[in-house]
Amino acid sequence: MSGEDEPERCRISLTIDGGEGRPSDADLRQAIASGDVAAVVIRPPRSGADVPRLRILVKAIQSRDVAVMIADDLDLALATGADGLHLSDFTDTPQNEARFAAARRRLGADAILGAGVGLSRHDAMTAGELGASYVEFAIQGGDADADALAELTAWWSEVFEVPLVAGGLTRAAEAGLMAEAGADFVGLIAGPSDGLAGLVAAVEAAIA
């Protein structure tokens, strides 16, 4: 076991589409085996979720000792047996705070409840105060956003204990930058490409 003073290593979180645009089962299995993947966030299809199919997907991912969160659909998270809920666009409003509290009540104290906050320090601090299991800063693309994300990651890791996901990433170099800045997890956006395993492997090498 590692010494108590040794920091936890950065791990990988994958965000995938839960509909027709998701990676194939084989690609997803290979990707999970290609790096230290701690979690998968599933974005439900907009046209309505196939609950039995998603339940099978959730169980298959969980069988590999990987946590699964459903994005923005509490009922679906409960119906599929996911480990929790990811609120992808949390902002500091009474409506969102009430939504967060309701989700925590229904999920239970031990479930994962994460909050995506874009690049907002204020919203991140609010989510942390509400008891988020983690907060996710995320970029929309571009080097300027990546630099801002690295700066936020370094600030958060120095000040707060709530785990941080540095998300919205699509390149290994970005992930390496966020790991150096102190991210607990790097969040990759996974497309339907059969190159997903290669990306995960490259990210794993970059953050090791």
C-alpha atoms as a PDB file:
ATOM      1  CA  MET A   1       0.000   0.000   0.000  1.00  0.00           C
ATOM      2  CA  SER A   2       1.048   3.589  -0.594  1.00  0.00           C
ATOM      3  CA  GLY A   3       2.283   5.755   2.253  1.00  0.00           C
ATOM      4  CA  GLU A   4      -0.207   8.079   3.876  1.00  0.00           C
ATOM      5  CA  ASP A   5       1.580  11.191   2.595  1.00  0.00           C
ATOM      6  CA  GLU A   6       1.697  10.019  -1.020  1.00  0.00           C
ATOM      7  CA  PRO A   7      -0.941  11.802  -3.124  1.00  0.00           C
ATOM      8  CA  GLU A   8      -3.590   9.784  -4.924  1.00  0.00           C
ATOM      9  CA  ARG A   9      -2.814   9.298  -8.593  1.00  0.00           C
ATOM     10  CA  CYS A  10      -5.024  10.878 -11.222  1.00  0.00           C
ATOM     11  CA  ARG A  11      -7.577   8.526 -12.772  1.00  0.00           C
ATOM     12  CA  ILE A  12      -9.825   8.582 -15.847  1.00  0.00           C
ATOM     13  CA  SER A  13     -13.545   9.265 -16.234  1.00  0.00           C
ATOM     14  CA  LEU A  14     -15.272   8.582 -19.567  1.00  0.00           C
ATOM     15  CA  THR A  15     -18.420  10.314 -20.773  1.00  0.00           C
ATOM     16  CA  ILE A  16     -20.317   8.307 -23.371  1.00  0.00           C
ATOM     17  CA  ASP A  17     -23.558   8.611 -25.292  1.00  0.00           C
ATOM     18  CA  GLY A  18     -26.207   6.180 -24.101  1.00  0.00           C
ATOM     19  CA  GLY A  19     -27.964   6.026 -27.462  1.00  0.00           C
ATOM     20  CA  GLU A  20     -26.943   5.081 -30.971  1.00  0.00           C
ATOM     21  CA  GLY A  21     -23.814   7.249 -30.818  1.00  0.00           C
ATOM     22  CA  ARG A  22     -22.211   5.302 -27.995  1.00  0.00           C
ATOM     23  CA  PRO A  23     -19.077   3.197 -28.460  1.00  0.00           C
ATOM     24  CA  SER A  24     -19.642  -0.458 -29.219  1.00  0.00           C
ATOM     25  CA  ASP A  25     -19.575  -2.859 -26.287  1.00  0.00           C
ATOM     26  CA  ALA A  26     -16.276  -4.282 -27.530  1.00  0.00           C
ATOM     27  CA  ASP A  27     -14.693  -0.832 -27.889  1.00  0.00           C
ATOM     28  CA  LEU A  28     -15.882   0.171 -24.433  1.00  0.00           C
ATOM     29  CA  ARG A  29     -14.530  -3.006 -22.836  1.00  0.00           C
ATOM     30  CA  GLN A  30     -11.186  -2.514 -24.527  1.00  0.00           C
ATOM     31  CA  ALA A  31     -11.075   1.141 -23.483  1.00  0.00           C
ATOM     32  CA  ILE A  32     -11.749   0.311 -19.837  1.00  0.00           C
ATOM     33  CA  ALA A  33      -8.977  -2.278 -19.973  1.00  0.00           C
ATOM     34  CA  SER A  34      -6.542   0.223 -21.519  1.00  0.00           C
ATOM     35  CA  GLY A  35      -6.212   2.553 -18.538  1.00  0.00           C
ATOM     36  CA  ASP A  36      -7.193   3.278 -14.967  1.00  0.00           C
ATOM     37  CA  VAL A  37     -10.824   4.119 -15.704  1.00  0.00           C
ATOM     38  CA  ALA A  38     -12.616   4.944 -12.462  1.00  0.00           C
ATOM     39  CA  ALA A  39     -16.014   6.026 -13.786  1.00  0.00           C
ATOM     40  CA  VAL A  40     -18.267   6.224 -16.824  1.00  0.00           C
ATOM     41  CA  VAL A  41     -20.904   8.934 -17.209  1.00  0.00           C
ATOM     42  CA  ILE A  42     -23.721   7.960 -19.573  1.00  0.00           C
ATOM     43  CA  ARG A  43     -25.637  10.712 -21.357  1.00  0.00           C
ATOM     44  CA  PRO A  44     -29.174   9.435 -22.027  1.00  0.00           C
ATOM     45  CA  PRO A  45     -30.504   9.722 -25.581  1.00  0.00           C
ATOM     46  CA  ARG A  46     -32.739  12.729 -26.135  1.00  0.00           C
ATOM     47  CA  SER A  47     -35.473  10.688 -27.812  1.00  0.00           C
ATOM     48  CA  GLY A  48     -36.115   8.476 -24.795  1.00  0.00           C
ATOM     49  CA  ALA A  49     -34.030   5.847 -23.113  1.00  0.00           C
ATOM     50  CA  ASP A  50     -34.194   2.103 -23.645  1.00  0.00           C
ATOM     51  CA  VAL A  51     -34.159   1.295 -19.931  1.00  0.00           C
ATOM     52  CA  PRO A  52     -33.547  -2.470 -20.194  1.00  0.00           C
ATOM     53  CA  ARG A  53     -30.653  -1.925 -22.601  1.00  0.00           C
ATOM     54  CA  LEU A  54     -29.142   0.789 -20.422  1.00  0.00           C
ATOM     55  CA  ARG A  55     -29.520  -1.409 -17.355  1.00  0.00           C
ATOM     56  CA  ILE A  56     -27.493  -4.114 -19.103  1.00  0.00           C
ATOM     57  CA  LEU A  57     -24.845  -1.552 -20.072  1.00  0.00           C
ATOM     58  CA  VAL A  58     -24.634  -0.214 -16.509  1.00  0.00           C
ATOM     59  CA  LYS A  59     -24.230  -3.686 -15.036  1.00  0.00           C
ATOM     60  CA  ALA A  60     -21.586  -4.604 -17.606  1.00  0.00           C
ATOM     61  CA  ILE A  61     -19.523  -1.534 -16.736  1.00  0.00           C
ATOM     62  CA  GLN A  62     -19.958  -2.042 -12.998  1.00  0.00           C
ATOM     63  CA  SER A  63     -18.763  -5.648 -13.349  1.00  0.00           C
ATOM     64  CA  ARG A  64     -15.357  -4.200 -14.260  1.00  0.00           C
ATOM     65  CA  ASP A  65     -15.210  -2.327 -10.949  1.00  0.00           C
ATOM     66  CA  VAL A  66     -16.038   0.984 -12.629  1.00  0.00           C
ATOM     67  CA  ALA A  67     -18.628   3.379 -11.203  1.00  0.00           C
ATOM     68  CA  VAL A  68     -21.471   4.504 -13.470  1.00  0.00           C
ATOM     69  CA  MET A  69     -23.329   7.795 -13.338  1.00  0.00           C
ATOM     70  CA  ILE A  70     -26.298   8.823 -15.455  1.00  0.00           C
ATOM     71  CA  ALA A  71     -26.254  12.432 -16.633  1.00  0.00           C
ATOM     72  CA  ASP A  72     -29.192  14.656 -15.669  1.00  0.00           C
ATOM     73  CA  ASP A  73     -31.898  11.990 -15.369  1.00  0.00           C
ATOM     74  CA  LEU A  74     -32.511  10.970 -11.762  1.00  0.00           C
ATOM     75  CA  ASP A  75     -35.319   8.547 -12.568  1.00  0.00           C
ATOM     76  CA  LEU A  76     -33.119   6.770 -15.100  1.00  0.00           C
ATOM     77  CA  ALA A  77     -30.214   6.599 -12.667  1.00  0.00           C
ATOM     78  CA  LEU A  78     -32.470   4.870 -10.164  1.00  0.00           C
ATOM     79  CA  ALA A  79     -34.108   2.602 -12.760  1.00  0.00           C
ATOM     80  CA  THR A  80     -30.805   1.344 -14.176  1.00  0.00           C
ATOM     81  CA  GLY A  81     -29.066   0.721 -10.854  1.00  0.00           C
ATOM     82  CA  ALA A  82     -26.354   3.290 -11.591  1.00  0.00           C
ATOM     83  CA  ASP A  83     -23.993   4.388  -8.846  1.00  0.00           C
ATOM     84  CA  GLY A  84     -25.247   7.935  -9.010  1.00  0.00           C
ATOM     85  CA  LEU A  85     -26.169  11.050 -10.952  1.00  0.00           C
ATOM     86  CA  HIS A  86     -24.090  13.642 -12.782  1.00  0.00           C
ATOM     87  CA  LEU A  87     -25.659  17.109 -13.006  1.00  0.00           C
ATOM     88  CA  SER A  88     -23.937  18.409 -16.106  1.00  0.00           C
ATOM     89  CA  ASP A  89     -24.917  22.085 -15.905  1.00  0.00           C
ATOM     90  CA  PHE A  90     -25.074  23.036 -12.241  1.00  0.00           C
ATOM     91  CA  THR A  91     -25.372  26.738 -11.472  1.00  0.00           C
ATOM     92  CA  ASP A  92     -25.981  28.558  -8.215  1.00  0.00           C
ATOM     93  CA  THR A  93     -29.747  29.098  -8.421  1.00  0.00           C
ATOM     94  CA  PRO A  94     -32.522  28.172  -5.981  1.00  0.00           C
ATOM     95  CA  GLN A  95     -33.928  25.769  -8.571  1.00  0.00           C
ATOM     96  CA  ASN A  96     -30.652  23.920  -8.972  1.00  0.00           C
ATOM     97  CA  GLU A  97     -30.029  23.792  -5.253  1.00  0.00           C
ATOM     98  CA  ALA A  98     -33.505  22.312  -4.745  1.00  0.00           C
ATOM     99  CA  ARG A  99     -32.851  19.823  -7.553  1.00  0.00           C
ATOM    100  CA  PHE A 100     -29.567  18.846  -5.930  1.00  0.00           C
ATOM    101  CA  ALA A 101     -31.189  18.344  -2.527  1.00  0.00           C
ATOM    102  CA  ALA A 102     -34.011  16.272  -4.020  1.00  0.00           C
ATOM    103  CA  ALA A 103     -31.526  14.085  -5.877  1.00  0.00           C
ATOM    104  CA  ARG A 104     -29.544  13.470  -2.724  1.00  0.00           C
ATOM    105  CA  ARG A 105     -32.671  12.458  -0.818  1.00  0.00           C
ATOM    106  CA  ARG A 106     -33.775   9.983  -3.474  1.00  0.00           C
ATOM    107  CA  LEU A 107     -30.332   8.573  -4.214  1.00  0.00           C
ATOM    108  CA  GLY A 108     -29.312   8.150  -0.598  1.00  0.00           C
ATOM    109  CA  ALA A 109     -26.299   9.320   1.311  1.00  0.00           C
ATOM    110  CA  ASP A 110     -23.870   6.802  -0.188  1.00  0.00           C
ATOM    111  CA  ALA A 111     -24.623   7.406  -3.868  1.00  0.00           C
ATOM    112  CA  ILE A 112     -22.392   9.528  -6.087  1.00  0.00           C
ATOM    113  CA  LEU A 113     -23.797  12.966  -6.901  1.00  0.00           C
ATOM    114  CA  GLY A 114     -21.530  15.085  -9.067  1.00  0.00           C
ATOM    115  CA  ALA A 115     -21.854  18.607 -10.423  1.00  0.00           C
ATOM    116  CA  GLY A 116     -20.539  19.974 -13.693  1.00  0.00           C
ATOM    117  CA  VAL A 117     -19.912  23.701 -13.376  1.00  0.00           C
ATOM    118  CA  GLY A 118     -18.239  24.734 -16.619  1.00  0.00           C
ATOM    119  CA  LEU A 119     -15.433  27.110 -15.681  1.00  0.00           C
ATOM    120  CA  SER A 120     -17.257  28.826 -12.787  1.00  0.00           C
ATOM    121  CA  ARG A 121     -15.453  29.068  -9.463  1.00  0.00           C
ATOM    122  CA  HIS A 122     -18.584  30.331  -7.741  1.00  0.00           C
ATOM    123  CA  ASP A 123     -20.779  27.470  -8.922  1.00  0.00           C
ATOM    124  CA  ALA A 124     -18.080  24.959  -7.979  1.00  0.00           C
ATOM    125  CA  MET A 125     -17.865  26.317  -4.448  1.00  0.00           C
ATOM    126  CA  THR A 126     -21.649  26.229  -4.106  1.00  0.00           C
ATOM    127  CA  ALA A 127     -21.761  22.619  -5.276  1.00  0.00           C
ATOM    128  CA  GLY A 128     -19.026  21.727  -2.809  1.00  0.00           C
ATOM    129  CA  GLU A 129     -20.896  23.397   0.037  1.00  0.00           C
ATOM    130  CA  LEU A 130     -24.035  21.433  -0.869  1.00  0.00           C
ATOM    131  CA  GLY A 131     -22.121  18.185  -0.512  1.00  0.00           C
ATOM    132  CA  ALA A 132     -21.276  17.219  -4.098  1.00  0.00           C
ATOM    133  CA  SER A 133     -19.303  13.999  -4.346  1.00  0.00           C
ATOM    134  CA  TYR A 134     -17.137  15.764  -6.913  1.00  0.00           C
ATOM    135  CA  VAL A 135     -17.156  18.870  -9.057  1.00  0.00           C
ATOM    136  CA  GLU A 136     -16.262  18.948 -12.726  1.00  0.00           C
ATOM    137  CA  PHE A 137     -14.721  21.923 -14.436  1.00  0.00           C
ATOM    138  CA  ALA A 138     -14.930  21.392 -18.184  1.00  0.00           C
ATOM    139  CA  ILE A 139     -13.756  23.015 -21.375  1.00  0.00           C
ATOM    140  CA  GLN A 140     -15.743  23.475 -24.551  1.00  0.00           C
ATOM    141  CA  GLY A 141     -12.642  23.321 -26.754  1.00  0.00           C
ATOM    142  CA  GLY A 142      -9.683  25.497 -27.630  1.00  0.00           C
ATOM    143  CA  ASP A 143      -6.293  26.176 -26.084  1.00  0.00           C
ATOM    144  CA  ALA A 144      -7.559  29.190 -24.129  1.00  0.00           C
ATOM    145  CA  ASP A 145     -10.162  27.040 -22.390  1.00  0.00           C
ATOM    146  CA  ALA A 146      -7.524  24.395 -21.655  1.00  0.00           C
ATOM    147  CA  ASP A 147      -5.278  26.991 -20.025  1.00  0.00           C
ATOM    148  CA  ALA A 148      -8.196  28.302 -17.965  1.00  0.00           C
ATOM    149  CA  LEU A 149      -9.091  24.770 -16.920  1.00  0.00           C
ATOM    150  CA  ALA A 150      -5.518  24.059 -15.806  1.00  0.00           C
ATOM    151  CA  GLU A 151      -5.511  27.260 -13.750  1.00  0.00           C
ATOM    152  CA  LEU A 152      -8.835  26.380 -12.102  1.00  0.00           C
ATOM    153  CA  THR A 153      -7.641  22.832 -11.451  1.00  0.00           C
ATOM    154  CA  ALA A 154      -4.519  24.044  -9.681  1.00  0.00           C
ATOM    155  CA  TRP A 155      -6.529  26.518  -7.588  1.00  0.00           C
ATOM    156  CA  TRP A 156      -9.140  23.958  -6.581  1.00  0.00           C
ATOM    157  CA  SER A 157      -6.638  21.248  -5.708  1.00  0.00           C
ATOM    158  CA  GLU A 158      -4.748  23.617  -3.428  1.00  0.00           C
ATOM    159  CA  VAL A 159      -7.799  24.952  -1.580  1.00  0.00           C
ATOM    160  CA  PHE A 160     -10.526  22.302  -1.490  1.00  0.00           C
ATOM    161  CA  GLU A 161     -10.826  18.640  -0.526  1.00  0.00           C
ATOM    162  CA  VAL A 162     -13.829  17.821  -2.732  1.00  0.00           C
ATOM    163  CA  PRO A 163     -12.539  15.678  -5.629  1.00  0.00           C
ATOM    164  CA  LEU A 164     -12.143  17.435  -8.961  1.00  0.00           C
ATOM    165  CA  VAL A 165     -12.741  16.178 -12.489  1.00  0.00           C
ATOM    166  CA  ALA A 166     -11.004  18.207 -15.204  1.00  0.00           C
ATOM    167  CA  GLY A 167     -13.392  17.380 -18.016  1.00  0.00           C
ATOM    168  CA  GLY A 168     -14.321  17.951 -21.622  1.00  0.00           C
ATOM    169  CA  LEU A 169     -10.980  16.557 -22.782  1.00  0.00           C
ATOM    170  CA  THR A 170     -10.309  14.840 -26.095  1.00  0.00           C
ATOM    171  CA  ARG A 171      -6.491  14.748 -26.232  1.00  0.00           C
ATOM    172  CA  ALA A 172      -3.820  13.060 -24.152  1.00  0.00           C
ATOM    173  CA  ALA A 173      -1.747  16.241 -23.925  1.00  0.00           C
ATOM    174  CA  GLU A 174      -4.668  18.062 -22.291  1.00  0.00           C
ATOM    175  CA  ALA A 175      -5.073  15.253 -19.781  1.00  0.00           C
ATOM    176  CA  GLY A 176      -1.400  15.348 -18.886  1.00  0.00           C
ATOM    177  CA  LEU A 177      -1.612  19.090 -18.271  1.00  0.00           C
ATOM    178  CA  MET A 178      -4.596  18.656 -15.944  1.00  0.00           C
ATOM    179  CA  ALA A 179      -2.945  15.824 -14.021  1.00  0.00           C
ATOM    180  CA  GLU A 180       0.110  18.016 -13.464  1.00  0.00           C
ATOM    181  CA  ALA A 181      -2.189  20.785 -12.221  1.00  0.00           C
ATOM    182  CA  GLY A 182      -3.619  18.460  -9.561  1.00  0.00           C
ATOM    183  CA  ALA A 183      -6.819  16.980 -11.022  1.00  0.00           C
ATOM    184  CA  ASP A 184      -8.153  13.927  -9.215  1.00  0.00           C
ATOM    185  CA  PHE A 185      -9.724  12.707 -12.465  1.00  0.00           C
ATOM    186  CA  VAL A 186      -9.443  13.648 -16.117  1.00  0.00           C
ATOM    187  CA  GLY A 187     -12.735  13.523 -17.969  1.00  0.00           C
ATOM    188  CA  LEU A 188     -12.660  12.254 -21.553  1.00  0.00           C
ATOM    189  CA  ILE A 189     -15.474  12.686 -24.061  1.00  0.00           C
ATOM    190  CA  ALA A 190     -15.834   9.351 -25.836  1.00  0.00           C
ATOM    191  CA  GLY A 191     -17.247   9.160 -29.352  1.00  0.00           C
ATOM    192  CA  PRO A 192     -18.326   6.060 -31.264  1.00  0.00           C
ATOM    193  CA  SER A 193     -14.843   5.650 -32.758  1.00  0.00           C
ATOM    194  CA  ASP A 194     -12.949   2.395 -32.540  1.00  0.00           C
ATOM    195  CA  GLY A 195      -9.937   4.504 -31.510  1.00  0.00           C
ATOM    196  CA  LEU A 196     -11.234   4.972 -27.965  1.00  0.00           C
ATOM    197  CA  ALA A 197      -8.943   2.352 -26.457  1.00  0.00           C
ATOM    198  CA  GLY A 198      -5.945   4.048 -28.023  1.00  0.00           C
ATOM    199  CA  LEU A 199      -6.990   7.403 -26.587  1.00  0.00           C
ATOM    200  CA  VAL A 200      -7.425   5.916 -23.112  1.00  0.00           C
ATOM    201  CA  ALA A 201      -4.014   4.248 -23.341  1.00  0.00           C
ATOM    202  CA  ALA A 202      -2.404   7.507 -24.433  1.00  0.00           C
ATOM    203  CA  VAL A 203      -4.113   9.405 -21.602  1.00  0.00           C
ATOM    204  CA  GLU A 204      -3.018   6.785 -19.105  1.00  0.00           C
ATOM    205  CA  ALA A 205       0.583   7.246 -20.210  1.00  0.00           C
ATOM    206  CA  ALA A 206       0.238  11.036 -20.017  1.00  0.00           C
ATOM    207  CA  ILE A 207      -1.117  11.101 -16.455  1.00  0.00           C
ATOM    208  CA  ALA A 208       1.000   8.312 -14.962  1.00  0.00           C
END
